[in-house]
Amino acid sequence: MKRTRLRRERGYTVVEVMSAMTLFAIGAAGVISMQRVTIQGGDDARRMDIAVNIAHEWSARLHRDAAFWTRPSASFPDENNLAQTTWLSGAAGLDATTLGPWTTPPLAGDHVGRSPAFDLFGRDLPAAGGDPHIFCTQYRFRWITHPGATGASQRMTALLRAEIRVYYARLDEAPIVDCFGYDPEANKPRLHFVHVTTAVRPNPEP
């Protein structure tokens, strides 16, 4: 009778296979999480960059608006035509110490170059209809040197502090949709804010 030699073949146990699969799953989950964080970080950075550009654009718009603020001047030291401007007129009723409220810039006529509402790419949007509003702009004013100061020379050196803020929804929140009917003060936890401050001077006529 022949004796059969049993050969032991090397292999993997169920425990070893399950352990390897578990480690693979953990590694894959880590890679996916890192990709998600990278994508979200890139999106957050892009939106922040657009919001900063919008804030600086609105700073430039307020300075352009000041071109129509031509009095007091040497010829008209006792007059003030600030109320005739488009946006800076919001400071006309403020006294020397009052901080004005946050205001959404009014929009009348063509929205291009004038709108406080912007799309995902930072383009001006109309007040209603079309794409949802992603970025919204507000400003508030406070006098540094009030034009009602005593003396003609002081009146002609009026200086207005303008604070601009751009707000937009966090990535995990729904978009704002309508800047004109939205209250950012009541929704601060779900928003990001970008602030820019500038000083605006009149453009006195000869």
N, C-alpha and C. Protein backbone atom coordinates (compact mmCIF):
# COMPACT_ATOMS: atom_id res chain seq x y z
N MET A 1 0.84 -1.17 0.00
CA MET A 1 0.00 0.00 0.00
C MET A 1 0.89 1.24 0.00
N LYS A 2 0.58 2.15 -0.99
CA LYS A 2 1.39 3.34 -1.12
C LYS A 2 0.92 4.41 -0.13
N ARG A 3 1.89 5.04 0.37
CA ARG A 3 1.56 6.10 1.31
C ARG A 3 1.54 7.44 0.55
N THR A 4 0.46 8.11 0.68
CA THR A 4 0.29 9.41 -0.01
C THR A 4 0.79 10.53 0.88
N ARG A 5 1.68 11.30 0.28
CA ARG A 5 2.20 12.42 1.06
C ARG A 5 1.30 13.65 0.85
N LEU A 6 0.86 14.12 1.91
CA LEU A 6 0.00 15.31 1.86
C LEU A 6 0.86 16.57 1.80
N ARG A 7 0.59 17.36 0.80
CA ARG A 7 1.33 18.61 0.66
C ARG A 7 0.48 19.78 1.16
N ARG A 8 1.07 20.54 1.95
CA ARG A 8 0.36 21.72 2.46
C ARG A 8 0.56 22.90 1.50
N GLU A 9 -0.53 23.40 0.98
CA GLU A 9 -0.47 24.54 0.07
C GLU A 9 -0.72 25.84 0.84
N ARG A 10 0.09 26.83 0.52
CA ARG A 10 -0.06 28.11 1.20
C ARG A 10 -1.27 28.87 0.65
N GLY A 11 -2.00 29.61 1.52
CA GLY A 11 -3.18 30.37 1.12
C GLY A 11 -3.50 31.43 2.16
N TYR A 12 -4.66 32.05 2.00
CA TYR A 12 -5.09 33.11 2.92
C TYR A 12 -6.33 32.64 3.67
N THR A 13 -6.36 32.98 4.91
CA THR A 13 -7.55 32.66 5.69
C THR A 13 -8.60 33.74 5.48
N VAL A 14 -9.81 33.45 5.87
CA VAL A 14 -10.90 34.43 5.75
C VAL A 14 -10.58 35.67 6.57
N VAL A 15 -9.98 35.47 7.72
CA VAL A 15 -9.65 36.61 8.58
C VAL A 15 -8.66 37.55 7.89
N GLU A 16 -7.66 36.97 7.22
CA GLU A 16 -6.67 37.78 6.53
C GLU A 16 -7.30 38.55 5.37
N VAL A 17 -8.19 37.88 4.63
CA VAL A 17 -8.86 38.55 3.51
C VAL A 17 -9.72 39.71 4.01
N MET A 18 -10.48 39.47 5.07
CA MET A 18 -11.34 40.52 5.61
C MET A 18 -10.52 41.69 6.16
N SER A 19 -9.40 41.38 6.78
CA SER A 19 -8.54 42.45 7.30
C SER A 19 -8.00 43.31 6.16
N ALA A 20 -7.57 42.66 5.07
CA ALA A 20 -7.06 43.41 3.92
C ALA A 20 -8.14 44.28 3.29
N MET A 21 -9.36 43.74 3.18
CA MET A 21 -10.46 44.52 2.61
C MET A 21 -10.81 45.71 3.50
N THR A 22 -10.74 45.51 4.81
CA THR A 22 -11.04 46.60 5.73
C THR A 22 -10.03 47.73 5.58
N LEU A 23 -8.74 47.36 5.52
CA LEU A 23 -7.70 48.37 5.35
C LEU A 23 -7.85 49.11 4.02
N PHE A 24 -8.22 48.38 2.96
CA PHE A 24 -8.44 49.01 1.66
C PHE A 24 -9.60 50.00 1.73
N ALA A 25 -10.68 49.59 2.40
CA ALA A 25 -11.85 50.46 2.51
C ALA A 25 -11.51 51.73 3.29
N ILE A 26 -10.74 51.59 4.37
CA ILE A 26 -10.35 52.75 5.16
C ILE A 26 -9.50 53.70 4.32
N GLY A 27 -8.56 53.15 3.57
CA GLY A 27 -7.71 53.98 2.71
C GLY A 27 -8.50 54.70 1.63
N ALA A 28 -9.44 53.97 1.01
CA ALA A 28 -10.26 54.58 -0.04
C ALA A 28 -11.11 55.71 0.52
N ALA A 29 -11.69 55.47 1.73
CA ALA A 29 -12.50 56.52 2.36
C ALA A 29 -11.66 57.75 2.66
N GLY A 30 -10.41 57.53 3.09
CA GLY A 30 -9.53 58.66 3.36
C GLY A 30 -9.21 59.46 2.11
N VAL A 31 -8.96 58.77 1.01
CA VAL A 31 -8.68 59.46 -0.25
C VAL A 31 -9.89 60.27 -0.71
N ILE A 32 -11.07 59.67 -0.61
CA ILE A 32 -12.30 60.38 -1.02
C ILE A 32 -12.52 61.61 -0.15
N SER A 33 -12.29 61.47 1.16
CA SER A 33 -12.46 62.61 2.06
C SER A 33 -11.49 63.73 1.72
N MET A 34 -10.25 63.37 1.41
CA MET A 34 -9.26 64.38 1.04
C MET A 34 -9.65 65.09 -0.25
N GLN A 35 -10.18 64.33 -1.21
CA GLN A 35 -10.62 64.94 -2.46
C GLN A 35 -11.77 65.91 -2.22
N ARG A 36 -12.69 65.50 -1.34
CA ARG A 36 -13.83 66.37 -1.04
C ARG A 36 -13.37 67.66 -0.38
N VAL A 37 -12.45 67.55 0.58
CA VAL A 37 -11.93 68.75 1.25
C VAL A 37 -11.22 69.65 0.25
N THR A 38 -10.45 69.06 -0.65
CA THR A 38 -9.73 69.84 -1.66
C THR A 38 -10.69 70.58 -2.58
N ILE A 39 -11.73 69.88 -3.02
CA ILE A 39 -12.73 70.51 -3.91
C ILE A 39 -13.46 71.64 -3.19
N GLN A 40 -13.90 71.38 -1.94
CA GLN A 40 -14.60 72.41 -1.18
C GLN A 40 -13.70 73.61 -0.90
N GLY A 41 -12.44 73.32 -0.56
CA GLY A 41 -11.51 74.42 -0.31
C GLY A 41 -11.29 75.28 -1.54
N GLY A 42 -11.18 74.63 -2.70
CA GLY A 42 -11.01 75.38 -3.94
C GLY A 42 -12.23 76.22 -4.27
N ASP A 43 -13.42 75.65 -4.05
CA ASP A 43 -14.66 76.39 -4.32
C ASP A 43 -14.81 77.56 -3.36
N ASP A 44 -14.50 77.34 -2.08
CA ASP A 44 -14.56 78.43 -1.10
C ASP A 44 -13.61 79.56 -1.48
N ALA A 45 -12.39 79.20 -1.87
CA ALA A 45 -11.40 80.21 -2.23
C ALA A 45 -11.84 81.00 -3.46
N ARG A 46 -12.42 80.31 -4.44
CA ARG A 46 -12.88 80.99 -5.66
C ARG A 46 -14.01 81.97 -5.33
N ARG A 47 -14.96 81.54 -4.50
CA ARG A 47 -16.06 82.43 -4.14
C ARG A 47 -15.58 83.63 -3.34
N MET A 48 -14.64 83.38 -2.43
CA MET A 48 -14.08 84.49 -1.66
C MET A 48 -13.39 85.49 -2.57
N ASP A 49 -12.66 85.01 -3.56
CA ASP A 49 -11.96 85.89 -4.50
C ASP A 49 -12.95 86.72 -5.29
N ILE A 50 -14.05 86.10 -5.74
CA ILE A 50 -15.07 86.84 -6.49
C ILE A 50 -15.72 87.89 -5.59
N ALA A 51 -16.01 87.53 -4.34
CA ALA A 51 -16.63 88.48 -3.41
C ALA A 51 -15.72 89.68 -3.15
N VAL A 52 -14.42 89.45 -3.00
CA VAL A 52 -13.47 90.55 -2.81
C VAL A 52 -13.46 91.46 -4.03
N ASN A 53 -13.46 90.88 -5.22
CA ASN A 53 -13.49 91.69 -6.44
C ASN A 53 -14.76 92.52 -6.54
N ILE A 54 -15.89 91.93 -6.14
CA ILE A 54 -17.16 92.66 -6.17
C ILE A 54 -17.12 93.83 -5.19
N ALA A 55 -16.57 93.60 -4.00
CA ALA A 55 -16.48 94.67 -3.01
C ALA A 55 -15.63 95.83 -3.53
N HIS A 56 -14.52 95.52 -4.16
CA HIS A 56 -13.67 96.59 -4.73
C HIS A 56 -14.35 97.27 -5.92
N GLU A 57 -15.12 96.50 -6.68
CA GLU A 57 -15.87 97.10 -7.79
C GLU A 57 -16.88 98.11 -7.25
N TRP A 58 -17.56 97.76 -6.15
CA TRP A 58 -18.53 98.70 -5.59
C TRP A 58 -17.85 99.90 -4.94
N SER A 59 -16.66 99.71 -4.43
CA SER A 59 -15.89 100.86 -3.93
C SER A 59 -15.62 101.83 -5.08
N ALA A 60 -15.24 101.30 -6.23
CA ALA A 60 -14.99 102.15 -7.40
C ALA A 60 -16.28 102.82 -7.88
N ARG A 61 -17.40 102.13 -7.79
CA ARG A 61 -18.68 102.73 -8.21
C ARG A 61 -19.04 103.92 -7.32
N LEU A 62 -18.80 103.80 -6.03
CA LEU A 62 -19.10 104.91 -5.13
C LEU A 62 -18.20 106.10 -5.43
N HIS A 63 -16.94 105.84 -5.75
CA HIS A 63 -16.04 106.94 -6.10
C HIS A 63 -16.46 107.60 -7.41
N ARG A 64 -16.95 106.81 -8.36
CA ARG A 64 -17.45 107.40 -9.61
C ARG A 64 -18.71 108.22 -9.33
N ASP A 65 -19.53 107.75 -8.41
CA ASP A 65 -20.74 108.49 -8.06
C ASP A 65 -20.38 109.85 -7.46
N ALA A 66 -19.24 109.92 -6.78
CA ALA A 66 -18.82 111.18 -6.16
C ALA A 66 -18.48 112.25 -7.20
N ALA A 67 -18.30 111.86 -8.46
CA ALA A 67 -18.04 112.84 -9.51
C ALA A 67 -19.21 113.81 -9.67
N PHE A 68 -20.41 113.39 -9.23
CA PHE A 68 -21.60 114.24 -9.33
C PHE A 68 -21.86 115.02 -8.04
N TRP A 69 -21.01 114.81 -7.05
CA TRP A 69 -21.10 115.55 -5.79
C TRP A 69 -20.15 116.74 -5.91
N THR A 70 -20.65 117.83 -6.48
CA THR A 70 -19.79 118.96 -6.86
C THR A 70 -19.90 120.17 -5.95
N ARG A 71 -20.81 120.15 -5.00
CA ARG A 71 -20.97 121.26 -4.07
C ARG A 71 -21.08 120.71 -2.64
N PRO A 72 -20.45 121.42 -1.67
CA PRO A 72 -19.90 122.77 -1.65
C PRO A 72 -18.68 122.93 -2.56
N SER A 73 -18.51 124.14 -3.04
CA SER A 73 -17.36 124.48 -3.88
C SER A 73 -16.98 125.93 -3.61
N ALA A 74 -15.93 126.38 -4.27
CA ALA A 74 -15.51 127.77 -4.07
C ALA A 74 -16.59 128.75 -4.49
N SER A 75 -17.33 128.40 -5.54
CA SER A 75 -18.39 129.29 -6.03
C SER A 75 -19.68 129.14 -5.25
N PHE A 76 -19.89 127.96 -4.68
CA PHE A 76 -21.13 127.70 -3.94
C PHE A 76 -20.79 127.06 -2.59
N PRO A 77 -20.19 127.81 -1.69
CA PRO A 77 -19.73 127.23 -0.42
C PRO A 77 -20.86 126.83 0.51
N ASP A 78 -22.04 127.39 0.31
CA ASP A 78 -23.15 127.10 1.22
C ASP A 78 -24.15 126.10 0.66
N GLU A 79 -23.84 125.49 -0.48
CA GLU A 79 -24.75 124.52 -1.09
C GLU A 79 -24.14 123.12 -1.02
N ASN A 80 -25.01 122.13 -1.01
CA ASN A 80 -24.57 120.73 -0.99
C ASN A 80 -25.51 119.93 -1.88
N ASN A 81 -24.98 119.39 -2.97
CA ASN A 81 -25.81 118.62 -3.90
C ASN A 81 -25.57 117.12 -3.77
N LEU A 82 -25.17 116.67 -2.60
CA LEU A 82 -24.95 115.24 -2.37
C LEU A 82 -26.22 114.43 -2.65
N ALA A 83 -27.38 115.01 -2.37
CA ALA A 83 -28.64 114.29 -2.56
C ALA A 83 -28.92 113.98 -4.02
N GLN A 84 -28.18 114.60 -4.95
CA GLN A 84 -28.41 114.36 -6.37
C GLN A 84 -27.60 113.17 -6.90
N THR A 85 -26.77 112.58 -6.06
CA THR A 85 -26.02 111.40 -6.48
C THR A 85 -26.91 110.17 -6.43
N THR A 86 -26.44 109.10 -7.03
CA THR A 86 -27.25 107.87 -7.11
C THR A 86 -27.21 107.08 -5.81
N TRP A 87 -26.02 106.87 -5.27
CA TRP A 87 -25.87 106.02 -4.08
C TRP A 87 -25.41 106.80 -2.86
N LEU A 88 -24.51 107.75 -3.04
CA LEU A 88 -24.01 108.52 -1.90
C LEU A 88 -25.08 109.38 -1.27
N SER A 89 -26.18 109.58 -1.97
CA SER A 89 -27.28 110.37 -1.43
C SER A 89 -27.82 109.78 -0.13
N GLY A 90 -27.53 108.50 0.12
CA GLY A 90 -27.97 107.88 1.36
C GLY A 90 -27.33 108.49 2.59
N ALA A 91 -26.25 109.24 2.41
CA ALA A 91 -25.59 109.89 3.54
C ALA A 91 -26.07 111.32 3.75
N ALA A 92 -26.91 111.81 2.86
CA ALA A 92 -27.32 113.22 2.92
C ALA A 92 -28.07 113.54 4.21
N GLY A 93 -28.80 112.59 4.75
CA GLY A 93 -29.58 112.85 5.95
C GLY A 93 -28.88 112.50 7.25
N LEU A 94 -27.62 112.09 7.18
CA LEU A 94 -26.89 111.71 8.39
C LEU A 94 -26.25 112.93 9.04
N ASP A 95 -26.30 112.97 10.38
CA ASP A 95 -25.57 114.03 11.06
C ASP A 95 -24.11 113.64 11.22
N ALA A 96 -23.36 114.45 11.95
CA ALA A 96 -21.91 114.27 11.99
C ALA A 96 -21.47 113.02 12.73
N THR A 97 -22.34 112.43 13.56
CA THR A 97 -21.91 111.30 14.39
C THR A 97 -22.66 110.00 14.13
N THR A 98 -23.71 110.04 13.32
CA THR A 98 -24.57 108.86 13.13
C THR A 98 -23.97 107.89 12.12
N LEU A 99 -23.99 106.61 12.47
CA LEU A 99 -23.61 105.56 11.53
C LEU A 99 -24.87 105.10 10.80
N GLY A 100 -24.86 105.23 9.49
CA GLY A 100 -26.04 104.87 8.72
C GLY A 100 -26.30 103.37 8.72
N PRO A 101 -27.51 102.96 8.36
CA PRO A 101 -27.86 101.53 8.33
C PRO A 101 -27.30 100.85 7.09
N TRP A 102 -27.17 99.53 7.16
CA TRP A 102 -26.81 98.76 5.97
C TRP A 102 -27.93 98.90 4.94
N THR A 103 -27.55 99.22 3.73
CA THR A 103 -28.52 99.49 2.67
C THR A 103 -28.16 98.72 1.41
N THR A 104 -29.15 98.08 0.81
CA THR A 104 -28.95 97.46 -0.50
C THR A 104 -29.06 98.55 -1.56
N PRO A 105 -28.05 98.75 -2.39
CA PRO A 105 -28.08 99.84 -3.37
C PRO A 105 -29.33 99.76 -4.25
N PRO A 106 -30.01 100.87 -4.45
CA PRO A 106 -31.17 100.87 -5.33
C PRO A 106 -30.76 100.62 -6.77
N LEU A 107 -31.64 99.98 -7.51
CA LEU A 107 -31.36 99.67 -8.91
C LEU A 107 -32.52 100.14 -9.76
N ALA A 108 -32.23 101.05 -10.67
CA ALA A 108 -33.23 101.54 -11.61
C ALA A 108 -32.62 101.54 -13.00
N GLY A 109 -33.38 101.08 -13.98
CA GLY A 109 -32.87 101.05 -15.34
C GLY A 109 -31.95 99.86 -15.57
N ASP A 110 -30.98 100.05 -16.44
CA ASP A 110 -30.07 98.98 -16.82
C ASP A 110 -29.27 98.50 -15.61
N HIS A 111 -29.16 97.18 -15.45
CA HIS A 111 -28.47 96.63 -14.28
C HIS A 111 -26.96 96.54 -14.47
N VAL A 112 -26.48 96.60 -15.69
CA VAL A 112 -25.05 96.41 -15.94
C VAL A 112 -24.26 97.57 -15.34
N GLY A 113 -23.31 97.25 -14.49
CA GLY A 113 -22.50 98.27 -13.84
C GLY A 113 -23.18 98.98 -12.71
N ARG A 114 -24.39 98.53 -12.32
CA ARG A 114 -25.16 99.23 -11.29
C ARG A 114 -25.80 98.29 -10.27
N SER A 115 -25.84 97.02 -10.55
CA SER A 115 -26.60 96.08 -9.72
C SER A 115 -25.84 95.69 -8.45
N PRO A 116 -26.56 95.51 -7.33
CA PRO A 116 -25.95 94.97 -6.12
C PRO A 116 -25.96 93.44 -6.10
N ALA A 117 -26.56 92.83 -7.12
CA ALA A 117 -26.69 91.37 -7.17
C ALA A 117 -25.81 90.81 -8.28
N PHE A 118 -25.19 89.65 -7.99
CA PHE A 118 -24.24 89.06 -8.93
C PHE A 118 -24.44 87.56 -9.02
N ASP A 119 -24.07 87.00 -10.17
CA ASP A 119 -24.18 85.55 -10.34
C ASP A 119 -22.90 84.86 -9.86
N LEU A 120 -22.80 83.57 -10.13
CA LEU A 120 -21.68 82.77 -9.64
C LEU A 120 -20.34 83.22 -10.23
N PHE A 121 -20.38 83.92 -11.37
CA PHE A 121 -19.15 84.37 -12.02
C PHE A 121 -18.87 85.85 -11.77
N GLY A 122 -19.66 86.48 -10.91
CA GLY A 122 -19.44 87.88 -10.59
C GLY A 122 -20.01 88.85 -11.60
N ARG A 123 -21.02 88.43 -12.35
CA ARG A 123 -21.65 89.31 -13.34
C ARG A 123 -22.90 89.95 -12.75
N ASP A 124 -23.13 91.23 -13.10
CA ASP A 124 -24.31 91.94 -12.62
C ASP A 124 -25.59 91.24 -13.06
N LEU A 125 -26.56 91.19 -12.15
CA LEU A 125 -27.85 90.57 -12.44
C LEU A 125 -28.97 91.58 -12.25
N PRO A 126 -30.08 91.43 -12.99
CA PRO A 126 -31.23 92.31 -12.78
C PRO A 126 -31.91 92.03 -11.45
N ALA A 127 -32.83 92.92 -11.09
CA ALA A 127 -33.49 92.80 -9.79
C ALA A 127 -34.37 91.56 -9.69
N ALA A 128 -35.00 91.17 -10.77
CA ALA A 128 -35.92 90.03 -10.73
C ALA A 128 -35.81 89.24 -12.03
N GLY A 129 -36.09 87.94 -11.91
CA GLY A 129 -36.04 87.07 -13.08
C GLY A 129 -34.62 86.66 -13.42
N GLY A 130 -34.51 85.68 -14.28
CA GLY A 130 -33.18 85.24 -14.69
C GLY A 130 -32.52 84.36 -13.65
N ASP A 131 -31.21 84.43 -13.58
CA ASP A 131 -30.44 83.57 -12.68
C ASP A 131 -30.62 83.99 -11.22
N PRO A 132 -30.48 83.04 -10.29
CA PRO A 132 -30.56 83.38 -8.87
C PRO A 132 -29.38 84.25 -8.45
N HIS A 133 -29.61 85.11 -7.48
CA HIS A 133 -28.56 85.97 -6.95
C HIS A 133 -27.66 85.16 -6.02
N ILE A 134 -26.37 85.12 -6.33
CA ILE A 134 -25.40 84.38 -5.51
C ILE A 134 -24.67 85.31 -4.55
N PHE A 135 -24.22 86.46 -5.05
CA PHE A 135 -23.52 87.45 -4.24
C PHE A 135 -24.38 88.70 -4.13
N CYS A 136 -24.45 89.26 -2.92
CA CYS A 136 -25.23 90.47 -2.69
C CYS A 136 -24.36 91.55 -2.05
N THR A 137 -24.67 92.80 -2.35
CA THR A 137 -23.87 93.92 -1.86
C THR A 137 -24.73 94.88 -1.04
N GLN A 138 -24.15 95.38 0.05
CA GLN A 138 -24.75 96.45 0.83
C GLN A 138 -23.66 97.45 1.22
N TYR A 139 -24.08 98.67 1.56
CA TYR A 139 -23.13 99.66 2.07
C TYR A 139 -23.77 100.44 3.20
N ARG A 140 -22.93 101.12 3.97
CA ARG A 140 -23.40 102.07 4.97
C ARG A 140 -22.37 103.19 5.09
N PHE A 141 -22.86 104.36 5.52
CA PHE A 141 -22.02 105.56 5.52
C PHE A 141 -21.88 106.15 6.92
N ARG A 142 -20.79 106.87 7.09
CA ARG A 142 -20.57 107.67 8.30
C ARG A 142 -19.63 108.81 7.94
N TRP A 143 -19.95 109.99 8.45
CA TRP A 143 -19.12 111.15 8.12
C TRP A 143 -17.82 111.13 8.91
N ILE A 144 -16.72 111.39 8.20
CA ILE A 144 -15.44 111.66 8.84
C ILE A 144 -15.33 113.17 9.06
N THR A 145 -15.62 113.94 8.01
CA THR A 145 -15.75 115.39 8.11
C THR A 145 -17.08 115.78 7.50
N HIS A 146 -17.98 116.29 8.32
CA HIS A 146 -19.33 116.59 7.85
C HIS A 146 -19.33 117.87 7.02
N PRO A 147 -20.07 117.90 5.90
CA PRO A 147 -20.10 119.11 5.07
C PRO A 147 -20.81 120.28 5.73
N GLY A 148 -21.48 120.03 6.83
CA GLY A 148 -22.14 121.11 7.55
C GLY A 148 -21.24 121.78 8.57
N ALA A 149 -19.94 121.44 8.55
CA ALA A 149 -19.01 122.03 9.51
C ALA A 149 -18.91 123.54 9.30
N THR A 150 -18.58 124.23 10.37
CA THR A 150 -18.50 125.69 10.31
C THR A 150 -17.33 126.14 9.45
N GLY A 151 -17.59 127.12 8.61
CA GLY A 151 -16.51 127.66 7.78
C GLY A 151 -16.51 127.06 6.39
N ALA A 152 -16.37 127.90 5.37
CA ALA A 152 -16.42 127.42 3.99
C ALA A 152 -15.31 126.43 3.69
N SER A 153 -14.11 126.67 4.21
CA SER A 153 -12.98 125.78 3.93
C SER A 153 -13.23 124.39 4.49
N GLN A 154 -13.89 124.31 5.65
CA GLN A 154 -14.19 123.01 6.24
C GLN A 154 -15.28 122.30 5.46
N ARG A 155 -16.27 123.04 5.00
CA ARG A 155 -17.35 122.43 4.24
C ARG A 155 -16.84 121.82 2.94
N MET A 156 -15.82 122.43 2.35
CA MET A 156 -15.30 121.94 1.08
C MET A 156 -14.29 120.81 1.25
N THR A 157 -14.01 120.43 2.48
CA THR A 157 -13.13 119.28 2.72
C THR A 157 -13.93 118.14 3.33
N ALA A 158 -15.20 118.03 2.96
CA ALA A 158 -16.04 116.95 3.46
C ALA A 158 -15.44 115.60 3.09
N LEU A 159 -15.57 114.65 4.00
CA LEU A 159 -15.02 113.31 3.78
C LEU A 159 -15.99 112.29 4.35
N LEU A 160 -16.36 111.32 3.52
CA LEU A 160 -17.37 110.34 3.88
C LEU A 160 -16.76 108.95 3.95
N ARG A 161 -17.02 108.26 5.04
CA ARG A 161 -16.56 106.87 5.19
C ARG A 161 -17.64 105.94 4.64
N ALA A 162 -17.27 105.09 3.71
CA ALA A 162 -18.20 104.13 3.12
C ALA A 162 -17.71 102.72 3.42
N GLU A 163 -18.55 101.95 4.06
CA GLU A 163 -18.23 100.54 4.35
C GLU A 163 -19.09 99.67 3.45
N ILE A 164 -18.45 98.78 2.73
CA ILE A 164 -19.13 97.91 1.77
C ILE A 164 -19.00 96.48 2.23
N ARG A 165 -20.09 95.74 2.15
CA ARG A 165 -20.00 94.32 2.47
C ARG A 165 -20.67 93.51 1.36
N VAL A 166 -20.05 92.41 1.05
CA VAL A 166 -20.59 91.44 0.08
C VAL A 166 -20.84 90.16 0.85
N TYR A 167 -22.04 89.63 0.73
CA TYR A 167 -22.36 88.39 1.44
C TYR A 167 -22.89 87.35 0.47
N TYR A 168 -22.65 86.09 0.83
CA TYR A 168 -23.09 84.97 -0.01
C TYR A 168 -23.26 83.74 0.87
N ALA A 169 -24.06 82.79 0.41
CA ALA A 169 -24.38 81.61 1.21
C ALA A 169 -23.19 80.66 1.30
N ARG A 170 -23.08 79.98 2.43
CA ARG A 170 -22.06 78.94 2.58
C ARG A 170 -22.36 77.79 1.62
N LEU A 171 -21.35 76.97 1.36
CA LEU A 171 -21.50 75.89 0.38
C LEU A 171 -22.60 74.91 0.76
N ASP A 172 -22.80 74.69 2.06
CA ASP A 172 -23.80 73.72 2.48
C ASP A 172 -25.18 74.34 2.66
N GLU A 173 -25.34 75.58 2.22
CA GLU A 173 -26.62 76.27 2.33
C GLU A 173 -27.16 76.60 0.94
N ALA A 174 -28.48 76.81 0.88
CA ALA A 174 -29.12 77.16 -0.39
C ALA A 174 -28.71 78.58 -0.79
N PRO A 175 -28.64 78.87 -2.10
CA PRO A 175 -28.29 80.23 -2.54
C PRO A 175 -29.31 81.26 -2.06
N ILE A 176 -28.91 82.51 -2.10
CA ILE A 176 -29.76 83.60 -1.60
C ILE A 176 -30.96 83.84 -2.51
N VAL A 177 -30.79 83.76 -3.80
CA VAL A 177 -31.83 83.89 -4.84
C VAL A 177 -32.21 85.35 -5.10
N ASP A 178 -32.61 86.11 -4.05
CA ASP A 178 -33.08 87.48 -4.26
C ASP A 178 -32.43 88.42 -3.24
N CYS A 179 -31.49 89.23 -3.68
CA CYS A 179 -30.79 90.14 -2.77
C CYS A 179 -31.71 91.23 -2.22
N PHE A 180 -32.72 91.62 -3.00
CA PHE A 180 -33.55 92.75 -2.61
C PHE A 180 -34.57 92.40 -1.52
N GLY A 181 -34.90 91.13 -1.40
CA GLY A 181 -35.85 90.73 -0.36
C GLY A 181 -35.22 89.91 0.74
N TYR A 182 -33.91 90.01 0.88
CA TYR A 182 -33.18 89.14 1.81
C TYR A 182 -32.65 89.95 2.99
N ASP A 183 -32.71 89.36 4.19
CA ASP A 183 -32.22 90.01 5.40
C ASP A 183 -30.97 89.29 5.89
N PRO A 184 -29.78 89.80 5.60
CA PRO A 184 -28.55 89.11 6.02
C PRO A 184 -28.37 89.10 7.53
N GLU A 185 -28.91 90.10 8.24
CA GLU A 185 -28.76 90.13 9.69
C GLU A 185 -29.44 88.95 10.35
N ALA A 186 -30.55 88.51 9.78
CA ALA A 186 -31.29 87.38 10.36
C ALA A 186 -30.73 86.03 9.91
N ASN A 187 -29.79 86.04 8.98
CA ASN A 187 -29.26 84.79 8.43
C ASN A 187 -27.74 84.71 8.50
N LYS A 188 -27.13 85.42 9.44
CA LYS A 188 -25.67 85.46 9.52
C LYS A 188 -25.02 84.09 9.64
N PRO A 189 -25.59 83.13 10.40
CA PRO A 189 -24.91 81.83 10.53
C PRO A 189 -24.75 81.07 9.22
N ARG A 190 -25.55 81.37 8.22
CA ARG A 190 -25.48 80.63 6.96
C ARG A 190 -24.78 81.41 5.85
N LEU A 191 -24.12 82.51 6.22
CA LEU A 191 -23.52 83.38 5.21
C LEU A 191 -22.03 83.58 5.45
N HIS A 192 -21.33 83.91 4.37
CA HIS A 192 -19.97 84.44 4.43
C HIS A 192 -20.05 85.94 4.12
N PHE A 193 -19.15 86.73 4.74
CA PHE A 193 -19.13 88.17 4.51
C PHE A 193 -17.72 88.62 4.12
N VAL A 194 -17.66 89.59 3.22
CA VAL A 194 -16.41 90.27 2.87
C VAL A 194 -16.65 91.77 3.05
N HIS A 195 -15.76 92.45 3.78
CA HIS A 195 -15.91 93.88 4.07
C HIS A 195 -14.77 94.67 3.43
N VAL A 196 -15.11 95.82 2.88
CA VAL A 196 -14.13 96.77 2.35
C VAL A 196 -14.56 98.16 2.80
N THR A 197 -13.61 98.96 3.24
CA THR A 197 -13.89 100.32 3.69
C THR A 197 -13.09 101.31 2.84
N THR A 198 -13.73 102.41 2.48
CA THR A 198 -13.06 103.44 1.69
C THR A 198 -13.53 104.81 2.15
N ALA A 199 -12.81 105.84 1.78
CA ALA A 199 -13.19 107.23 2.08
C ALA A 199 -13.49 107.94 0.77
N VAL A 200 -14.62 108.64 0.73
CA VAL A 200 -15.09 109.28 -0.49
C VAL A 200 -15.09 110.79 -0.30
N ARG A 201 -14.54 111.49 -1.26
CA ARG A 201 -14.50 112.96 -1.24
C ARG A 201 -15.40 113.51 -2.35
N PRO A 202 -15.88 114.74 -2.18
CA PRO A 202 -16.63 115.38 -3.26
C PRO A 202 -15.69 115.80 -4.39
N ASN A 203 -16.29 116.20 -5.49
CA ASN A 203 -15.54 116.66 -6.66
C ASN A 203 -15.96 118.11 -6.94
N PRO A 204 -15.46 119.06 -6.14
CA PRO A 204 -15.96 120.44 -6.22
C PRO A 204 -15.79 121.04 -7.60
N GLU A 205 -16.84 121.70 -8.06
CA GLU A 205 -16.76 122.42 -9.32
C GLU A 205 -15.98 123.72 -9.12
N PRO A 206 -15.47 124.32 -10.19
CA PRO A 206 -14.69 125.57 -10.05
C PRO A 206 -15.52 126.69 -9.42
